[in-house]
Amino acid sequence: NRKYICYYPGCTVIATNYNEYITHRKTHGQPLIYECRVPGCGRTFNHRTSFCSHIQTHQPKHQCKNCGKLFCRNNILQKHNKHCGTPLR
């Protein structure tokens, strides 16, 4: 059971299917805007791909084995690893 959340700022609608979501989305009468609902963030995006990339910043999955720092993307961790020499305690 997939749910389709409307990320328009201030909207709390959650559609139960894609067609219902598309129909609802048109009620806003403006270009689609995605709003990050993580407390304290509130950033908005015009494109779903940008929004999805941003959401990953709130869910870091890649951890440095030396210092323990978390990163949202593996390529950023790899850059960090080149300069990190602090062993994890």
PDB file of N, CA and C in Angstrom:
ATOM      1  N   ASN A   1       0.828  -1.194   0.000  1.00  0.00           N
ATOM      2  CA  ASN A   1       0.000   0.000   0.000  1.00  0.00           C
ATOM      3  C   ASN A   1       0.866   1.250   0.000  1.00  0.00           C
ATOM      4  N   ARG A   2       1.171   1.751  -1.163  1.00  0.00           N
ATOM      5  CA  ARG A   2       1.984   2.955  -1.275  1.00  0.00           C
ATOM      6  C   ARG A   2       1.113   4.181  -1.042  1.00  0.00           C
ATOM      7  N   LYS A   3       1.677   5.168  -0.357  1.00  0.00           N
ATOM      8  CA  LYS A   3       0.966   6.419  -0.118  1.00  0.00           C
ATOM      9  C   LYS A   3       1.683   7.533  -0.862  1.00  0.00           C
ATOM     10  N   TYR A   4       0.913   8.467  -1.402  1.00  0.00           N
ATOM     11  CA  TYR A   4       1.455   9.575  -2.167  1.00  0.00           C
ATOM     12  C   TYR A   4       1.243  10.855  -1.371  1.00  0.00           C
ATOM     13  N   ILE A   5       2.336  11.394  -0.840  1.00  0.00           N
ATOM     14  CA  ILE A   5       2.267  12.573   0.020  1.00  0.00           C
ATOM     15  C   ILE A   5       2.388  13.829  -0.826  1.00  0.00           C
ATOM     16  N   CYS A   6       1.506  14.783  -0.584  1.00  0.00           N
ATOM     17  CA  CYS A   6       1.590  16.076  -1.257  1.00  0.00           C
ATOM     18  C   CYS A   6       2.594  16.927  -0.486  1.00  0.00           C
ATOM     19  N   TYR A   7       3.662  17.341  -1.166  1.00  0.00           N
ATOM     20  CA  TYR A   7       4.698  18.133  -0.516  1.00  0.00           C
ATOM     21  C   TYR A   7       4.539  19.626  -0.769  1.00  0.00           C
ATOM     22  N   TYR A   8       3.350  20.022  -1.226  1.00  0.00           N
ATOM     23  CA  TYR A   8       3.108  21.450  -1.411  1.00  0.00           C
ATOM     24  C   TYR A   8       3.126  22.109  -0.036  1.00  0.00           C
ATOM     25  N   PRO A   9       3.799  23.262   0.115  1.00  0.00           N
ATOM     26  CA  PRO A   9       3.901  23.892   1.435  1.00  0.00           C
ATOM     27  C   PRO A   9       2.540  24.089   2.101  1.00  0.00           C
ATOM     28  N   GLY A  10       2.411  23.586   3.307  1.00  0.00           N
ATOM     29  CA  GLY A  10       1.184  23.734   4.087  1.00  0.00           C
ATOM     30  C   GLY A  10       0.132  22.677   3.823  1.00  0.00           C
ATOM     31  N   CYS A  11       0.318  21.834   2.818  1.00  0.00           N
ATOM     32  CA  CYS A  11      -0.680  20.823   2.489  1.00  0.00           C
ATOM     33  C   CYS A  11      -0.388  19.535   3.260  1.00  0.00           C
ATOM     34  N   THR A  12      -1.455  18.901   3.730  1.00  0.00           N
ATOM     35  CA  THR A  12      -1.287  17.659   4.499  1.00  0.00           C
ATOM     36  C   THR A  12      -1.957  16.454   3.840  1.00  0.00           C
ATOM     37  N   VAL A  13      -2.336  16.597   2.577  1.00  0.00           N
ATOM     38  CA  VAL A  13      -3.033  15.517   1.879  1.00  0.00           C
ATOM     39  C   VAL A  13      -2.093  14.350   1.597  1.00  0.00           C
ATOM     40  N   ILE A  14      -2.591  13.139   1.845  1.00  0.00           N
ATOM     41  CA  ILE A  14      -1.883  11.910   1.500  1.00  0.00           C
ATOM     42  C   ILE A  14      -2.850  11.086   0.649  1.00  0.00           C
ATOM     43  N   ALA A  15      -2.518  10.931  -0.631  1.00  0.00           N
ATOM     44  CA  ALA A  15      -3.377  10.179  -1.547  1.00  0.00           C
ATOM     45  C   ALA A  15      -3.058   8.692  -1.464  1.00  0.00           C
ATOM     46  N   THR A  16      -4.054   7.873  -1.748  1.00  0.00           N
ATOM     47  CA  THR A  16      -3.863   6.422  -1.674  1.00  0.00           C
ATOM     48  C   THR A  16      -3.449   5.797  -3.001  1.00  0.00           C
ATOM     49  N   ASN A  17      -3.567   6.585  -4.103  1.00  0.00           N
ATOM     50  CA  ASN A  17      -3.096   6.080  -5.392  1.00  0.00           C
ATOM     51  C   ASN A  17      -2.585   7.247  -6.243  1.00  0.00           C
ATOM     52  N   TYR A  18      -1.827   6.917  -7.270  1.00  0.00           N
ATOM     53  CA  TYR A  18      -1.164   7.938  -8.074  1.00  0.00           C
ATOM     54  C   TYR A  18      -2.155   8.858  -8.775  1.00  0.00           C
ATOM     55  N   ASN A  19      -3.225   8.307  -9.336  1.00  0.00           N
ATOM     56  CA  ASN A  19      -4.208   9.144 -10.039  1.00  0.00           C
ATOM     57  C   ASN A  19      -4.865  10.143  -9.092  1.00  0.00           C
ATOM     58  N   GLU A  20      -5.171   9.699  -7.895  1.00  0.00           N
ATOM     59  CA  GLU A  20      -5.742  10.600  -6.890  1.00  0.00           C
ATOM     60  C   GLU A  20      -4.746  11.712  -6.552  1.00  0.00           C
ATOM     61  N   TYR A  21      -3.479  11.350  -6.457  1.00  0.00           N
ATOM     62  CA  TYR A  21      -2.428  12.326  -6.153  1.00  0.00           C
ATOM     63  C   TYR A  21      -2.322  13.376  -7.267  1.00  0.00           C
ATOM     64  N   ILE A  22      -2.306  12.914  -8.526  1.00  0.00           N
ATOM     65  CA  ILE A  22      -2.199  13.847  -9.660  1.00  0.00           C
ATOM     66  C   ILE A  22      -3.400  14.781  -9.697  1.00  0.00           C
ATOM     67  N   THR A  23      -4.589  14.243  -9.473  1.00  0.00           N
ATOM     68  CA  THR A  23      -5.799  15.066  -9.454  1.00  0.00           C
ATOM     69  C   THR A  23      -5.699  16.113  -8.336  1.00  0.00           C
ATOM     70  N   HIS A  24      -5.281  15.698  -7.170  1.00  0.00           N
ATOM     71  CA  HIS A  24      -5.143  16.635  -6.049  1.00  0.00           C
ATOM     72  C   HIS A  24      -4.099  17.700  -6.348  1.00  0.00           C
ATOM     73  N   ARG A  25      -2.979  17.289  -6.898  1.00  0.00           N
ATOM     74  CA  ARG A  25      -1.880  18.211  -7.176  1.00  0.00           C
ATOM     75  C   ARG A  25      -2.335  19.384  -8.027  1.00  0.00           C
ATOM     76  N   LYS A  26      -3.234  19.128  -8.956  1.00  0.00           N
ATOM     77  CA  LYS A  26      -3.736  20.175  -9.844  1.00  0.00           C
ATOM     78  C   LYS A  26      -4.555  21.220  -9.090  1.00  0.00           C
ATOM     79  N   THR A  27      -5.062  20.883  -7.907  1.00  0.00           N
ATOM     80  CA  THR A  27      -5.884  21.834  -7.144  1.00  0.00           C
ATOM     81  C   THR A  27      -5.067  23.014  -6.635  1.00  0.00           C
ATOM     82  N   HIS A  28      -3.774  22.850  -6.552  1.00  0.00           N
ATOM     83  CA  HIS A  28      -2.944  23.948  -6.068  1.00  0.00           C
ATOM     84  C   HIS A  28      -2.781  25.039  -7.117  1.00  0.00           C
ATOM     85  N   GLY A  29      -2.993  24.701  -8.386  1.00  0.00           N
ATOM     86  CA  GLY A  29      -2.986  25.696  -9.456  1.00  0.00           C
ATOM     87  C   GLY A  29      -1.655  26.381  -9.690  1.00  0.00           C
ATOM     88  N   GLN A  30      -0.585  25.824  -9.183  1.00  0.00           N
ATOM     89  CA  GLN A  30       0.742  26.395  -9.380  1.00  0.00           C
ATOM     90  C   GLN A  30       1.696  25.264  -9.722  1.00  0.00           C
ATOM     91  N   PRO A  31       2.883  25.621 -10.197  1.00  0.00           N
ATOM     92  CA  PRO A  31       3.854  24.552 -10.463  1.00  0.00           C
ATOM     93  C   PRO A  31       4.096  23.731  -9.191  1.00  0.00           C
ATOM     94  N   LEU A  32       4.367  22.476  -9.376  1.00  0.00           N
ATOM     95  CA  LEU A  32       4.582  21.587  -8.245  1.00  0.00           C
ATOM     96  C   LEU A  32       5.789  22.030  -7.440  1.00  0.00           C
ATOM     97  N   ILE A  33       5.615  22.122  -6.136  1.00  0.00           N
ATOM     98  CA  ILE A  33       6.694  22.477  -5.235  1.00  0.00           C
ATOM     99  C   ILE A  33       6.778  21.383  -4.179  1.00  0.00           C
ATOM    100  N   TYR A  34       7.991  20.910  -3.931  1.00  0.00           N
ATOM    101  CA  TYR A  34       8.223  19.908  -2.898  1.00  0.00           C
ATOM    102  C   TYR A  34       8.824  20.606  -1.681  1.00  0.00           C
ATOM    103  N   GLU A  35       8.250  20.369  -0.528  1.00  0.00           N
ATOM    104  CA  GLU A  35       8.740  20.982   0.703  1.00  0.00           C
ATOM    105  C   GLU A  35       9.285  19.911   1.637  1.00  0.00           C
ATOM    106  N   CYS A  36      10.468  20.144   2.156  1.00  0.00           N
ATOM    107  CA  CYS A  36      11.059  19.226   3.121  1.00  0.00           C
ATOM    108  C   CYS A  36      10.359  19.423   4.460  1.00  0.00           C
ATOM    109  N   ARG A  37       9.820  18.344   4.988  1.00  0.00           N
ATOM    110  CA  ARG A  37       9.067  18.426   6.236  1.00  0.00           C
ATOM    111  C   ARG A  37       9.870  17.982   7.452  1.00  0.00           C
ATOM    112  N   VAL A  38      11.162  17.853   7.294  1.00  0.00           N
ATOM    113  CA  VAL A  38      12.011  17.534   8.441  1.00  0.00           C
ATOM    114  C   VAL A  38      11.997  18.762   9.355  1.00  0.00           C
ATOM    115  N   PRO A  39      11.722  18.564  10.657  1.00  0.00           N
ATOM    116  CA  PRO A  39      11.662  19.707  11.580  1.00  0.00           C
ATOM    117  C   PRO A  39      12.921  20.571  11.506  1.00  0.00           C
ATOM    118  N   GLY A  40      12.695  21.872  11.367  1.00  0.00           N
ATOM    119  CA  GLY A  40      13.796  22.816  11.297  1.00  0.00           C
ATOM    120  C   GLY A  40      14.358  23.053   9.913  1.00  0.00           C
ATOM    121  N   CYS A  41      13.876  22.324   8.907  1.00  0.00           N
ATOM    122  CA  CYS A  41      14.419  22.485   7.555  1.00  0.00           C
ATOM    123  C   CYS A  41      13.497  23.364   6.704  1.00  0.00           C
ATOM    124  N   GLY A  42      12.443  22.785   6.143  1.00  0.00           N
ATOM    125  CA  GLY A  42      11.482  23.561   5.365  1.00  0.00           C
ATOM    126  C   GLY A  42      11.934  24.002   3.988  1.00  0.00           C
ATOM    127  N   ARG A  43      13.064  23.506   3.476  1.00  0.00           N
ATOM    128  CA  ARG A  43      13.507  23.882   2.125  1.00  0.00           C
ATOM    129  C   ARG A  43      12.490  23.419   1.097  1.00  0.00           C
ATOM    130  N   THR A  44      12.377  24.164   0.014  1.00  0.00           N
ATOM    131  CA  THR A  44      11.454  23.814  -1.053  1.00  0.00           C
ATOM    132  C   THR A  44      12.218  23.596  -2.359  1.00  0.00           C
ATOM    133  N   PHE A  45      11.630  22.757  -3.219  1.00  0.00           N
ATOM    134  CA  PHE A  45      12.264  22.384  -4.481  1.00  0.00           C
ATOM    135  C   PHE A  45      11.218  22.336  -5.583  1.00  0.00           C
ATOM    136  N   ASN A  46      11.615  22.713  -6.793  1.00  0.00           N
ATOM    137  CA  ASN A  46      10.723  22.666  -7.947  1.00  0.00           C
ATOM    138  C   ASN A  46      10.748  21.311  -8.636  1.00  0.00           C
ATOM    139  N   HIS A  47      11.795  20.533  -8.402  1.00  0.00           N
ATOM    140  CA  HIS A  47      11.944  19.252  -9.084  1.00  0.00           C
ATOM    141  C   HIS A  47      12.053  18.115  -8.080  1.00  0.00           C
ATOM    142  N   ARG A  48      11.390  17.019  -8.394  1.00  0.00           N
ATOM    143  CA  ARG A  48      11.385  15.861  -7.495  1.00  0.00           C
ATOM    144  C   ARG A  48      12.789  15.304  -7.289  1.00  0.00           C
ATOM    145  N   THR A  49      13.599  15.289  -8.339  1.00  0.00           N
ATOM    146  CA  THR A  49      14.951  14.733  -8.199  1.00  0.00           C
ATOM    147  C   THR A  49      15.785  15.555  -7.223  1.00  0.00           C
ATOM    148  N   SER A  50      15.657  16.872  -7.281  1.00  0.00           N
ATOM    149  CA  SER A  50      16.389  17.730  -6.336  1.00  0.00           C
ATOM    150  C   SER A  50      15.886  17.494  -4.919  1.00  0.00           C
ATOM    151  N   PHE A  51      14.582  17.357  -4.781  1.00  0.00           N
ATOM    152  CA  PHE A  51      13.986  17.098  -3.476  1.00  0.00           C
ATOM    153  C   PHE A  51      14.491  15.768  -2.914  1.00  0.00           C
ATOM    154  N   CYS A  52      14.496  14.720  -3.736  1.00  0.00           N
ATOM    155  CA  CYS A  52      14.947  13.402  -3.275  1.00  0.00           C
ATOM    156  C   CYS A  52      16.423  13.420  -2.874  1.00  0.00           C
ATOM    157  N   SER A  53      17.235  14.143  -3.630  1.00  0.00           N
ATOM    158  CA  SER A  53      18.651  14.270  -3.266  1.00  0.00           C
ATOM    159  C   SER A  53      18.788  14.978  -1.927  1.00  0.00           C
ATOM    160  N   HIS A  54      17.983  16.007  -1.719  1.00  0.00           N
ATOM    161  CA  HIS A  54      18.029  16.743  -0.463  1.00  0.00           C
ATOM    162  C   HIS A  54      17.626  15.859   0.719  1.00  0.00           C
ATOM    163  N   ILE A  55      16.589  15.065   0.565  1.00  0.00           N
ATOM    164  CA  ILE A  55      16.109  14.199   1.648  1.00  0.00           C
ATOM    165  C   ILE A  55      17.235  13.288   2.135  1.00  0.00           C
ATOM    166  N   GLN A  56      18.094  12.855   1.227  1.00  0.00           N
ATOM    167  CA  GLN A  56      19.216  11.991   1.614  1.00  0.00           C
ATOM    168  C   GLN A  56      20.152  12.677   2.597  1.00  0.00           C
ATOM    169  N   THR A  57      20.204  14.006   2.573  1.00  0.00           N
ATOM    170  CA  THR A  57      21.093  14.708   3.504  1.00  0.00           C
ATOM    171  C   THR A  57      20.616  14.561   4.943  1.00  0.00           C
ATOM    172  N   HIS A  58      19.353  14.250   5.116  1.00  0.00           N
ATOM    173  CA  HIS A  58      18.806  14.042   6.460  1.00  0.00           C
ATOM    174  C   HIS A  58      18.933  12.582   6.902  1.00  0.00           C
ATOM    175  N   GLN A  59      19.370  11.719   5.999  1.00  0.00           N
ATOM    176  CA  GLN A  59      19.472  10.289   6.289  1.00  0.00           C
ATOM    177  C   GLN A  59      20.846   9.758   5.892  1.00  0.00           C
ATOM    178  N   PRO A  60      21.921  10.243   6.549  1.00  0.00           N
ATOM    179  CA  PRO A  60      23.252   9.781   6.156  1.00  0.00           C
ATOM    180  C   PRO A  60      23.429   8.287   6.406  1.00  0.00           C
ATOM    181  N   LYS A  61      24.025   7.588   5.427  1.00  0.00           N
ATOM    182  CA  LYS A  61      24.178   6.136   5.505  1.00  0.00           C
ATOM    183  C   LYS A  61      25.636   5.699   5.444  1.00  0.00           C
ATOM    184  N   HIS A  62      26.523   6.575   5.028  1.00  0.00           N
ATOM    185  CA  HIS A  62      27.911   6.204   4.804  1.00  0.00           C
ATOM    186  C   HIS A  62      28.770   6.759   5.940  1.00  0.00           C
ATOM    187  N   GLN A  63      29.465   5.870   6.657  1.00  0.00           N
ATOM    188  CA  GLN A  63      30.230   6.278   7.825  1.00  0.00           C
ATOM    189  C   GLN A  63      31.723   6.062   7.606  1.00  0.00           C
ATOM    190  N   CYS A  64      32.502   7.052   8.008  1.00  0.00           N
ATOM    191  CA  CYS A  64      33.951   6.960   7.937  1.00  0.00           C
ATOM    192  C   CYS A  64      34.435   5.954   8.988  1.00  0.00           C
ATOM    193  N   LYS A  65      35.264   5.007   8.559  1.00  0.00           N
ATOM    194  CA  LYS A  65      35.777   3.989   9.477  1.00  0.00           C
ATOM    195  C   LYS A  65      36.864   4.536  10.393  1.00  0.00           C
ATOM    196  N   ASN A  66      37.420   5.695  10.037  1.00  0.00           N
ATOM    197  CA  ASN A  66      38.461   6.299  10.876  1.00  0.00           C
ATOM    198  C   ASN A  66      37.888   7.168  11.987  1.00  0.00           C
ATOM    199  N   CYS A  67      37.006   8.112  11.626  1.00  0.00           N
ATOM    200  CA  CYS A  67      36.535   9.078  12.630  1.00  0.00           C
ATOM    201  C   CYS A  67      35.068   8.918  13.000  1.00  0.00           C
ATOM    202  N   GLY A  68      34.315   8.124  12.220  1.00  0.00           N
ATOM    203  CA  GLY A  68      32.911   7.888  12.536  1.00  0.00           C
ATOM    204  C   GLY A  68      31.937   8.890  11.954  1.00  0.00           C
ATOM    205  N   LYS A  69      32.439   9.909  11.260  1.00  0.00           N
ATOM    206  CA  LYS A  69      31.568  10.924  10.668  1.00  0.00           C
ATOM    207  C   LYS A  69      30.657  10.287   9.626  1.00  0.00           C
ATOM    208  N   LEU A  70      29.396  10.768   9.554  1.00  0.00           N
ATOM    209  CA  LEU A  70      28.412  10.231   8.609  1.00  0.00           C
ATOM    210  C   LEU A  70      28.272  11.135   7.390  1.00  0.00           C
ATOM    211  N   PHE A  71      28.024  10.494   6.236  1.00  0.00           N
ATOM    212  CA  PHE A  71      27.846  11.222   4.987  1.00  0.00           C
ATOM    213  C   PHE A  71      26.629  10.685   4.252  1.00  0.00           C
ATOM    214  N   CYS A  72      25.977  11.569   3.495  1.00  0.00           N
ATOM    215  CA  CYS A  72      24.768  11.167   2.776  1.00  0.00           C
ATOM    216  C   CYS A  72      25.092  10.472   1.462  1.00  0.00           C
ATOM    217  N   ARG A  73      26.276  10.738   0.906  1.00  0.00           N
ATOM    218  CA  ARG A  73      26.632  10.105  -0.362  1.00  0.00           C
ATOM    219  C   ARG A  73      28.019   9.487  -0.260  1.00  0.00           C
ATOM    220  N   ASN A  74      28.184   8.368  -0.920  1.00  0.00           N
ATOM    221  CA  ASN A  74      29.448   7.637  -0.872  1.00  0.00           C
ATOM    222  C   ASN A  74      30.598   8.445  -1.467  1.00  0.00           C
ATOM    223  N   ASN A  75      30.342   9.202  -2.530  1.00  0.00           N
ATOM    224  CA  ASN A  75      31.434   9.963  -3.152  1.00  0.00           C
ATOM    225  C   ASN A  75      31.981  11.030  -2.206  1.00  0.00           C
ATOM    226  N   ILE A  76      31.133  11.574  -1.351  1.00  0.00           N
ATOM    227  CA  ILE A  76      31.600  12.562  -0.373  1.00  0.00           C
ATOM    228  C   ILE A  76      32.442  11.863   0.693  1.00  0.00           C
ATOM    229  N   LEU A  77      32.035  10.675   1.110  1.00  0.00           N
ATOM    230  CA  LEU A  77      32.822   9.884   2.053  1.00  0.00           C
ATOM    231  C   LEU A  77      34.196   9.577   1.463  1.00  0.00           C
ATOM    232  N   GLN A  78      34.244   9.215   0.184  1.00  0.00           N
ATOM    233  CA  GLN A  78      35.529   8.882  -0.453  1.00  0.00           C
ATOM    234  C   GLN A  78      36.473  10.082  -0.447  1.00  0.00           C
ATOM    235  N   LYS A  79      35.949  11.280  -0.716  1.00  0.00           N
ATOM    236  CA  LYS A  79      36.770  12.496  -0.656  1.00  0.00           C
ATOM    237  C   LYS A  79      37.273  12.715   0.768  1.00  0.00           C
ATOM    238  N   HIS A  80      36.382  12.526   1.743  1.00  0.00           N
ATOM    239  CA  HIS A  80      36.742  12.684   3.148  1.00  0.00           C
ATOM    240  C   HIS A  80      37.848  11.698   3.534  1.00  0.00           C
ATOM    241  N   ASN A  81      37.744  10.460   3.077  1.00  0.00           N
ATOM    242  CA  ASN A  81      38.712   9.415   3.424  1.00  0.00           C
ATOM    243  C   ASN A  81      40.134   9.764   2.987  1.00  0.00           C
ATOM    244  N   LYS A  82      40.269  10.532   1.927  1.00  0.00           N
ATOM    245  CA  LYS A  82      41.597  10.912   1.437  1.00  0.00           C
ATOM    246  C   LYS A  82      42.339  11.801   2.433  1.00  0.00           C
ATOM    247  N   HIS A  83      41.576  12.514   3.276  1.00  0.00           N
ATOM    248  CA  HIS A  83      42.187  13.473   4.195  1.00  0.00           C
ATOM    249  C   HIS A  83      42.012  13.107   5.663  1.00  0.00           C
ATOM    250  N   CYS A  84      41.254  12.070   5.946  1.00  0.00           N
ATOM    251  CA  CYS A  84      40.962  11.718   7.334  1.00  0.00           C
ATOM    252  C   CYS A  84      42.005  10.737   7.858  1.00  0.00           C
ATOM    253  N   GLY A  85      42.651  11.126   8.936  1.00  0.00           N
ATOM    254  CA  GLY A  85      43.637  10.233   9.532  1.00  0.00           C
ATOM    255  C   GLY A  85      43.352   9.962  10.991  1.00  0.00           C
ATOM    256  N   THR A  86      42.209  10.460  11.472  1.00  0.00           N
ATOM    257  CA  THR A  86      41.865  10.285  12.872  1.00  0.00           C
ATOM    258  C   THR A  86      41.251   8.914  13.098  1.00  0.00           C
ATOM    259  N   PRO A  87      41.918   8.048  13.878  1.00  0.00           N
ATOM    260  CA  PRO A  87      41.324   6.724  14.121  1.00  0.00           C
ATOM    261  C   PRO A  87      40.093   6.795  15.002  1.00  0.00           C
ATOM    262  N   LEU A  88      39.143   5.928  14.722  1.00  0.00           N
ATOM    263  CA  LEU A  88      37.916   5.835  15.513  1.00  0.00           C
ATOM    264  C   LEU A  88      38.247   5.270  16.887  1.00  0.00           C
ATOM    265  N   ARG A  89      37.742   5.894  17.940  1.00  0.00           N
ATOM    266  CA  ARG A  89      38.029   5.437  19.313  1.00  0.00           C
ATOM    267  C   ARG A  89      37.069   4.386  19.765  1.00  0.00           C
TER     268      ARG A  89
END
